[in-house]
Protein backbone atom coordinates (compact mmCIF):
# COMPACT_ATOMS: atom_id res chain seq x y z
CA MET A 1 0.00 0.00 0.00
CA LEU A 2 2.91 2.34 0.72
CA ILE A 3 4.53 1.66 -2.65
CA PHE A 4 1.17 2.35 -4.37
CA PHE A 5 1.03 5.67 -2.49
CA LEU A 6 4.60 6.65 -3.46
CA GLN A 7 4.35 5.83 -7.17
CA PRO A 8 2.23 8.78 -8.45
CA ILE A 9 3.71 11.54 -6.26
CA ALA A 10 6.32 12.73 -8.79
CA TYR A 11 3.78 12.66 -11.61
CA GLY A 12 1.20 14.41 -9.45
CA SER A 13 3.66 17.22 -8.70
CA TRP A 14 3.92 17.88 -12.45
CA LEU A 15 0.18 18.37 -13.00
CA PRO A 16 -0.18 21.81 -11.32
CA ARG A 17 2.81 23.12 -13.30
CA ILE A 18 1.36 22.38 -16.75
CA PRO A 19 0.01 25.94 -17.19
CA GLU A 20 3.48 27.36 -16.47
CA ILE A 21 5.08 25.02 -19.00
CA GLN A 22 2.42 25.99 -21.53
CA ALA A 23 3.14 29.68 -21.01
CA ARG A 24 6.93 29.22 -21.12
CA LEU A 25 6.79 27.27 -24.38
CA GLU A 26 4.09 29.58 -25.79
CA LEU A 27 1.79 26.70 -26.69
CA GLY A 28 -1.82 27.13 -27.69
CA PRO A 29 -4.52 24.73 -26.45
CA ALA A 30 -4.25 22.51 -29.54
CA SER A 31 -0.44 22.34 -29.38
CA LEU A 32 -0.56 21.54 -25.67
CA ALA A 33 -3.14 18.81 -26.29
CA VAL A 34 -0.87 17.20 -28.89
CA ALA A 35 2.14 17.39 -26.57
CA LEU A 36 0.20 15.85 -23.67
CA LEU A 37 -0.64 12.85 -25.86
CA GLY A 38 3.01 11.84 -25.48
CA MET A 39 2.41 10.10 -22.16
CA PRO A 40 -0.42 7.78 -23.26
CA VAL A 41 1.38 7.10 -26.54
CA GLY A 42 4.48 6.03 -24.61
CA THR A 43 2.39 3.79 -22.37
CA LEU A 44 0.53 2.21 -25.29
CA LEU A 45 3.76 1.48 -27.17
CA THR A 46 5.42 -0.05 -24.12
CA LEU A 47 2.70 -2.23 -22.58
CA PRO A 48 2.93 -5.05 -25.20
CA PHE A 49 6.60 -5.49 -24.25
CA ALA A 50 6.18 -4.72 -20.54
CA GLY A 51 4.10 -7.83 -19.85
CA PRO A 52 6.67 -10.40 -21.02
CA LEU A 53 9.52 -8.45 -19.41
CA VAL A 54 7.82 -8.18 -16.02
CA GLY A 55 7.00 -11.88 -16.25
CA ARG A 56 10.67 -12.64 -16.88
CA ILE A 57 12.31 -10.47 -14.19
CA GLY A 58 9.50 -10.58 -11.61
CA ALA A 59 7.13 -7.94 -10.29
CA ARG A 60 9.36 -6.81 -7.41
CA GLN A 61 12.37 -6.28 -9.66
CA ALA A 62 10.20 -4.43 -12.17
CA ILE A 63 9.04 -2.06 -9.43
CA VAL A 64 12.57 -1.35 -8.18
CA LEU A 65 14.19 -0.90 -11.58
CA GLY A 66 11.16 0.87 -13.01
CA PHE A 67 11.15 3.40 -10.19
CA VAL A 68 14.69 4.47 -11.04
CA PHE A 69 13.90 5.12 -14.70
CA TYR A 70 10.51 6.61 -13.85
CA SER A 71 12.01 9.06 -11.36
CA LEU A 72 14.45 10.28 -14.00
CA ALA A 73 11.87 10.41 -16.79
CA ALA A 74 9.38 12.32 -14.62
CA CYS A 75 11.85 15.22 -14.51
CA LEU A 76 12.19 15.54 -18.28
CA PRO A 77 8.90 17.28 -19.22
CA VAL A 78 9.68 20.38 -17.16
CA LEU A 79 13.04 20.69 -18.97
CA ALA A 80 11.62 20.50 -22.50
CA PRO A 81 12.57 23.50 -24.70
CA ASN A 82 9.71 23.13 -27.20
CA MET A 83 6.57 21.16 -28.05
CA ALA A 84 8.37 18.32 -29.84
CA TRP A 85 10.70 17.70 -26.91
CA LEU A 86 7.78 17.94 -24.47
CA PHE A 87 5.98 15.21 -26.43
CA LEU A 88 9.10 13.00 -26.39
CA ALA A 89 9.73 13.65 -22.70
CA LEU A 90 6.16 12.72 -21.81
CA MET A 91 6.41 9.63 -24.02
CA LEU A 92 9.46 8.46 -22.05
CA ALA A 93 7.65 9.18 -18.79
CA GLY A 94 4.61 7.19 -19.94
CA SER A 95 6.83 4.32 -21.02
CA SER A 96 8.56 4.11 -17.63
CA ILE A 97 5.27 4.45 -15.74
CA SER A 98 3.86 1.42 -17.56
CA PHE A 99 6.57 -0.86 -16.10
CA VAL A 100 6.11 0.43 -12.56
CA GLU A 101 2.32 0.27 -12.57
CA LEU A 102 2.28 -3.17 -14.17
CA GLY A 103 4.71 -4.41 -11.53
CA LEU A 104 2.57 -2.88 -8.77
CA ASN A 105 -0.63 -4.54 -9.96
CA VAL A 106 0.99 -7.94 -10.45
CA GLU A 107 2.71 -7.76 -7.05
CA ALA A 108 -0.55 -6.84 -5.31
CA ASP A 109 -2.27 -9.79 -6.97
CA LEU A 110 0.53 -12.16 -5.96
CA VAL A 111 0.42 -10.91 -2.36
CA GLU A 112 -3.34 -11.49 -2.31
CA LYS A 113 -2.89 -15.06 -3.54
CA SER A 114 -0.03 -15.90 -1.19
CA SER A 115 -1.49 -14.29 1.94
CA GLY A 116 -5.19 -14.92 1.42
CA ARG A 117 -5.90 -11.25 2.19
CA LEU A 118 -7.72 -8.87 -0.14
CA ILE A 119 -5.63 -5.73 -0.69
CA MET A 120 -6.04 -4.75 -4.36
CA ASN A 121 -8.81 -2.17 -3.95
CA THR A 122 -7.24 -0.64 -0.85
CA SER A 123 -3.88 -0.42 -2.63
CA HIS A 124 -5.49 1.51 -5.47
CA GLY A 125 -7.12 3.74 -2.87
CA PHE A 126 -3.63 4.64 -1.62
CA TRP A 127 -2.63 5.35 -5.24
CA SER A 128 -5.47 7.88 -5.38
CA LEU A 129 -4.19 9.49 -2.20
CA GLY A 130 -0.67 9.53 -3.65
CA ILE A 131 -1.62 11.49 -6.74
CA MET A 132 -3.59 13.92 -4.57
CA ALA A 133 -0.51 14.34 -2.34
CA GLY A 134 1.71 14.89 -5.38
CA SER A 135 -0.66 17.53 -6.70
CA LEU A 136 -0.62 19.32 -3.34
CA ILE A 137 3.19 19.21 -3.28
CA GLY A 138 3.30 20.68 -6.78
CA SER A 139 0.84 23.39 -5.78
CA GLY A 140 2.90 24.16 -2.69
CA PHE A 141 6.08 24.59 -4.73
CA ALA A 142 4.15 26.83 -7.13
CA ALA A 143 2.91 28.97 -4.24
CA LEU A 144 6.51 29.35 -3.07
CA ALA A 145 7.52 30.38 -6.61
CA VAL A 146 9.90 27.43 -6.97
CA ALA A 147 10.50 26.87 -10.69
CA PRO A 148 9.09 23.63 -12.14
CA GLN A 149 12.59 22.69 -13.35
CA ILE A 150 13.62 22.53 -9.70
CA ALA A 151 10.39 21.50 -7.97
CA VAL A 152 9.60 18.31 -9.88
CA PRO A 153 13.14 16.85 -9.58
CA ILE A 154 13.03 17.62 -5.83
CA ALA A 155 9.76 15.72 -5.47
CA ALA A 156 11.14 12.78 -7.45
CA ALA A 157 14.38 12.77 -5.44
CA MET A 158 12.48 12.78 -2.14
CA VAL A 159 10.38 9.77 -3.12
CA LEU A 160 12.97 7.59 -4.90
CA PRO A 161 15.10 6.39 -1.93
CA ILE A 162 11.99 5.56 0.11
CA ALA A 163 10.47 3.73 -2.84
CA LEU A 164 13.64 1.68 -3.37
CA LEU A 165 13.70 0.62 0.28
CA VAL A 166 10.02 -0.30 0.23
CA GLY A 167 10.41 -2.08 -3.10
CA GLN A 168 13.27 -4.21 -1.82
CA ALA A 169 11.15 -5.13 1.20
CA LEU A 170 8.39 -6.56 -1.00
CA PRO A 171 8.28 -10.36 -1.26
CA ALA A 172 9.72 -11.94 -4.39
CA LEU A 173 6.76 -14.04 -5.53
CA SER A 174 6.45 -16.24 -8.61
CA ASP A 175 4.42 -14.95 -11.55
CA ALA A 176 4.19 -18.25 -13.42
CA ALA A 177 1.05 -19.95 -14.70
CA PRO A 178 -0.18 -22.69 -12.33
CA GLU A 179 1.58 -26.04 -12.53
CA GLY A 180 -0.10 -28.57 -14.77
CA GLN A 181 -2.04 -25.96 -16.75
CA THR A 182 -1.59 -25.27 -20.44
CA HIS A 183 0.80 -22.36 -20.76
CA ARG A 184 -0.04 -19.75 -23.38
CA SER A 185 2.69 -17.53 -24.71
CA ALA A 186 2.78 -13.96 -23.41
CA TRP A 187 2.69 -12.90 -27.08
CA SER A 188 -0.40 -14.98 -27.97
CA LEU A 189 -3.81 -13.44 -28.62
CA PRO A 190 -5.97 -12.78 -25.53
CA SER A 191 -8.31 -15.56 -24.51
CA PRO A 192 -12.11 -15.01 -24.76
CA ALA A 193 -12.22 -14.74 -20.97
CA LEU A 194 -9.63 -11.96 -20.99
CA VAL A 195 -11.46 -10.15 -23.81
CA GLY A 196 -14.60 -10.08 -21.66
CA ILE A 197 -12.70 -8.64 -18.69
CA CYS A 198 -11.05 -6.04 -20.94
CA LEU A 199 -14.43 -4.92 -22.34
CA PHE A 200 -15.71 -4.64 -18.78
CA VAL A 201 -12.90 -2.30 -17.80
CA PHE A 202 -13.16 -0.30 -21.04
CA GLY A 203 -16.48 1.22 -19.93
CA ILE A 204 -15.03 2.03 -16.51
CA THR A 205 -11.94 3.85 -17.74
CA MET A 206 -13.84 5.61 -20.52
CA THR A 207 -16.00 7.15 -17.81
CA GLU A 208 -12.95 8.09 -15.71
CA GLY A 209 -11.39 9.88 -18.67
CA ALA A 210 -14.64 11.69 -19.40
CA MET A 211 -14.96 12.93 -15.82
CA ALA A 212 -11.36 14.15 -15.76
CA ASP A 213 -11.61 16.19 -18.96
CA TRP A 214 -15.23 17.35 -19.14
CA SER A 215 -16.61 17.71 -15.61
CA ALA A 216 -15.62 21.38 -15.29
CA ILE A 217 -16.92 22.22 -18.77
CA PHE A 218 -20.20 20.42 -18.02
CA LEU A 219 -20.76 22.49 -14.87
CA ARG A 220 -19.89 25.69 -16.71
CA ASP A 221 -21.95 25.13 -19.86
CA ALA A 222 -24.90 23.07 -18.60
CA LEU A 223 -25.41 24.67 -15.19
CA SER A 224 -23.72 28.08 -15.56
CA ALA A 225 -21.25 27.45 -12.74
CA ASP A 226 -18.31 29.82 -12.60
CA GLY A 227 -15.12 30.56 -10.68
CA GLY A 228 -13.94 27.88 -8.31
CA LEU A 229 -17.21 25.97 -8.58
CA VAL A 230 -16.41 24.48 -11.97
CA GLY A 231 -13.64 22.33 -10.49
CA ILE A 232 -15.60 21.00 -7.56
CA GLY A 233 -17.31 18.30 -9.63
CA TYR A 234 -14.09 16.43 -10.36
CA SER A 235 -12.87 16.93 -6.79
CA ILE A 236 -15.99 15.19 -5.49
CA PHE A 237 -15.65 12.49 -8.13
CA ALA A 238 -11.98 11.82 -7.20
CA LEU A 239 -12.78 11.79 -3.47
CA MET A 240 -15.53 9.21 -3.94
CA VAL A 241 -13.27 7.08 -6.16
CA ALA A 242 -10.73 6.93 -3.32
CA SER A 243 -13.45 6.26 -0.75
CA GLY A 244 -14.94 3.47 -2.86
CA ARG A 245 -11.56 1.83 -3.25
CA PHE A 246 -10.90 1.88 0.47
CA GLY A 247 -14.21 0.09 1.03
CA GLY A 248 -13.84 -2.16 -2.00
CA ASP A 249 -12.03 -5.04 -0.30
CA LEU A 250 -14.68 -5.16 2.43
CA LEU A 251 -17.44 -5.27 -0.18
CA LYS A 252 -15.58 -7.98 -2.09
CA ARG A 253 -15.28 -10.14 1.03
CA ARG A 254 -19.01 -9.80 1.62
CA PHE A 255 -20.51 -9.91 -1.88
CA GLY A 256 -17.72 -11.37 -4.01
CA ALA A 257 -16.13 -9.78 -7.06
CA VAL A 258 -19.20 -10.11 -9.29
CA GLY A 259 -21.63 -8.86 -6.65
CA THR A 260 -19.41 -5.87 -5.87
CA ALA A 261 -19.00 -5.05 -9.57
CA ARG A 262 -22.75 -5.22 -10.13
CA LEU A 263 -23.54 -3.09 -7.09
CA CYS A 264 -21.03 -0.40 -8.07
CA GLY A 265 -21.93 -0.67 -11.75
CA THR A 266 -25.59 0.00 -10.92
CA LEU A 267 -24.55 3.04 -8.92
CA GLY A 268 -22.43 4.25 -11.83
CA VAL A 269 -25.37 4.04 -14.25
CA LEU A 270 -27.62 5.77 -11.71
CA GLY A 271 -25.04 8.53 -11.27
CA GLY A 272 -24.72 9.04 -15.03
CA ILE A 273 -28.49 9.39 -15.40
CA THR A 274 -28.60 11.77 -12.43
CA LEU A 275 -25.90 13.93 -14.00
CA PHE A 276 -27.69 14.02 -17.36
CA LEU A 277 -31.00 15.06 -15.80
CA ALA A 278 -29.62 17.33 -13.03
CA PRO A 279 -31.41 20.72 -13.11
CA THR A 280 -29.25 22.27 -10.39
CA LEU A 281 -25.60 22.36 -9.35
CA PRO A 282 -26.08 20.46 -6.03
CA LEU A 283 -27.84 17.58 -7.77
CA ALA A 284 -25.10 17.45 -10.42
CA LEU A 285 -22.49 17.20 -7.67
CA VAL A 286 -24.44 14.28 -6.20
CA GLY A 287 -24.29 12.67 -9.63
CA PHE A 288 -20.52 13.12 -9.79
CA GLY A 289 -20.17 11.50 -6.37
CA ILE A 290 -22.34 8.50 -7.28
CA ILE A 291 -20.39 7.96 -10.51
CA GLY A 292 -17.15 8.11 -8.50
CA VAL A 293 -18.30 5.26 -6.25
CA GLY A 294 -19.61 3.40 -9.29
CA VAL A 295 -16.27 3.29 -11.15
CA SER A 296 -14.00 3.13 -8.10
CA VAL A 297 -13.43 -0.62 -7.85
CA GLY A 298 -13.80 -1.56 -11.52
CA PHE A 299 -10.13 -1.53 -12.51
CA PRO A 300 -8.78 -3.19 -9.32
CA LEU A 301 -11.38 -5.97 -9.61
CA ALA A 302 -10.50 -6.44 -13.27
CA VAL A 303 -6.77 -6.66 -12.47
CA THR A 304 -7.41 -9.47 -9.99
CA ALA A 305 -9.69 -11.29 -12.43
CA ALA A 306 -7.24 -11.00 -15.35
CA ALA A 307 -4.27 -12.06 -13.22
CA GLY A 308 -6.24 -15.05 -11.90
CA LEU A 309 -7.14 -16.55 -15.28
CA GLY A 310 -4.11 -18.83 -14.98
CA ASP A 311 -3.68 -19.41 -18.73
CA ARG A 312 -0.34 -17.60 -18.72
CA ALA A 313 1.75 -15.37 -16.45
CA ALA A 314 -0.32 -12.74 -14.65
CA SER A 315 1.90 -9.94 -15.98
CA ALA A 316 0.97 -10.78 -19.59
CA ASN A 317 -2.77 -10.64 -18.93
CA VAL A 318 -2.54 -7.49 -16.81
CA ALA A 319 -0.50 -5.79 -19.55
CA VAL A 320 -3.29 -6.47 -22.09
CA LEU A 321 -5.88 -5.25 -19.59
CA SER A 322 -3.90 -2.06 -18.93
CA PHE A 323 -3.61 -1.44 -22.67
CA VAL A 324 -7.39 -1.67 -23.17
CA ALA A 325 -8.04 0.39 -20.03
CA LEU A 326 -5.83 3.17 -21.33
CA CYS A 327 -7.60 3.04 -24.71
CA GLY A 328 -10.89 3.60 -22.89
CA PHE A 329 -9.40 6.53 -21.00
CA LEU A 330 -8.26 8.07 -24.29
CA ILE A 331 -11.40 7.41 -26.34
CA GLY A 332 -13.91 8.80 -23.83
CA PRO A 333 -12.96 12.51 -23.90
CA PRO A 334 -12.81 12.91 -27.71
CA LEU A 335 -16.12 11.06 -28.09
CA ILE A 336 -17.83 13.39 -25.64
CA GLY A 337 -16.25 16.40 -27.34
CA PHE A 338 -17.56 15.28 -30.74
CA VAL A 339 -21.10 14.77 -29.41
CA ALA A 340 -21.02 18.04 -27.46
CA GLU A 341 -19.88 19.88 -30.59
CA HIS A 342 -22.83 18.60 -32.64
CA VAL A 343 -25.52 18.37 -29.93
CA ASP A 344 -24.68 19.74 -26.47
CA ILE A 345 -22.54 18.97 -23.43
CA ARG A 346 -25.38 17.29 -21.54
CA VAL A 347 -25.86 14.68 -24.24
CA GLY A 348 -22.10 14.36 -24.57
CA VAL A 349 -21.61 13.51 -20.89
CA ALA A 350 -24.56 11.11 -21.10
CA CYS A 351 -22.41 8.95 -23.41
CA VAL A 352 -20.90 7.44 -20.26
CA VAL A 353 -24.23 5.71 -19.50
CA PRO A 354 -24.02 3.16 -22.36
CA ALA A 355 -20.36 2.54 -21.46
CA LEU A 356 -21.29 1.85 -17.84
CA LEU A 357 -24.18 -0.38 -18.95
CA LEU A 358 -21.65 -2.41 -20.94
CA SER A 359 -19.50 -2.82 -17.83
CA LEU A 360 -22.55 -3.77 -15.75
CA PHE A 361 -23.57 -6.37 -18.34
CA LEU A 362 -20.06 -7.91 -18.33
CA ALA A 363 -19.59 -7.90 -14.53
CA GLY A 364 -20.10 -11.68 -14.49
CA ARG A 365 -16.78 -12.05 -16.33
CA LEU A 366 -15.01 -11.19 -13.06
CA ALA A 367 -16.03 -14.46 -11.42
CA PRO A 368 -12.99 -16.39 -10.12
CA ARG A 369 -12.14 -19.30 -12.38
CA PRO A 370 -11.12 -22.68 -10.97
CA VAL A 371 -7.60 -23.71 -11.90
CA ARG A 372 -7.66 -26.82 -14.03
CA THR A 373 -4.72 -29.08 -13.45
CA THR A 374 -3.53 -32.33 -14.97
CA ARG A 375 -2.34 -33.61 -11.59
CA ASN A 376 -4.15 -36.55 -9.97
CA PRO A 377 -4.01 -36.05 -6.18
CA GLU A 378 -5.03 -39.66 -5.55
CA ALA A 379 -1.94 -40.88 -7.38
CA GLU A 380 0.20 -39.25 -4.69
CA ILE A 381 -1.41 -41.30 -1.89
CA PRO A 382 0.55 -44.47 -1.05
CA GLY A 383 -1.45 -47.61 -1.83
CA VAL A 384 -3.83 -45.91 -4.28
CA LEU A 385 -3.41 -47.07 -7.88
């Protein structure tokens, strides 16, 4: 949980400094948008190779080594002299982040399996707190007029030694497919079971991306909010995502993965409808909060389900899942922008409802699958033929 908290701090400290970088490089909104695509592009290009590599060197080693490269790469965007270099710097940062986050998710799954304790949702809750802490650190440096070129490297340097110590303290657990089961290559096509889990998480992350990019514009255009009020929608959404993740393991113990996914998925759909119909700002904020709870546990539950398929190393399946999840995060905002351009922002934001209905429909794909083995336990008992 501590390593999940530490991972996004350096990246979070960069987020409040983006306007300063934009002004220094004299970038317009369109140029900045193109430059910011560097991070997801780097992640998308790296994930197909990250899975086999993490499976080969182990999740703990991937976390430790990845943190070193990630801490260095996180400092590059604030040093970029122009848009092209900013894109490349963010691409390197996204590439290094993919190794660390894949290692984190695989390690959390392995710890769950070896200890019998559910920690995945809570770990992701600490990740949410970590990116909030990083954002506050970045805002604090900005308030003290510390230049981004100095502030972000300081944040990365503060976190790195702690992360290395914590990473080395993690258990070195095996990420191999179960003994006796047919082993699929990490480079083979996803199984039908994995495709179902990926489609489930696609609707979740599409909604997360939509809330991140369009919540403030929705409040401004649909409900005439202004000033500091336009940002409160996403703040409530993010707070409820963290809260839902902290309660997710308890819900999973009580209702199981499928029951928890269906409960939260129903809330997500209800929140989307509430947001679409909201006539006032307070009711819209309630909608944001309900959606936050609805999507909170989707990705952590999907990680556990994908890692538990057992057809190949967990890292390979989680890499495919992360790739599809990121695609959902990237597709959501442009889709809403296109609809809002031709209809209005209310209908645009309502596009999350069909995506959440898809996730709700596919929640049954998260059911734990029994491991099939070719071993005959009776053959190991003396005297039994």
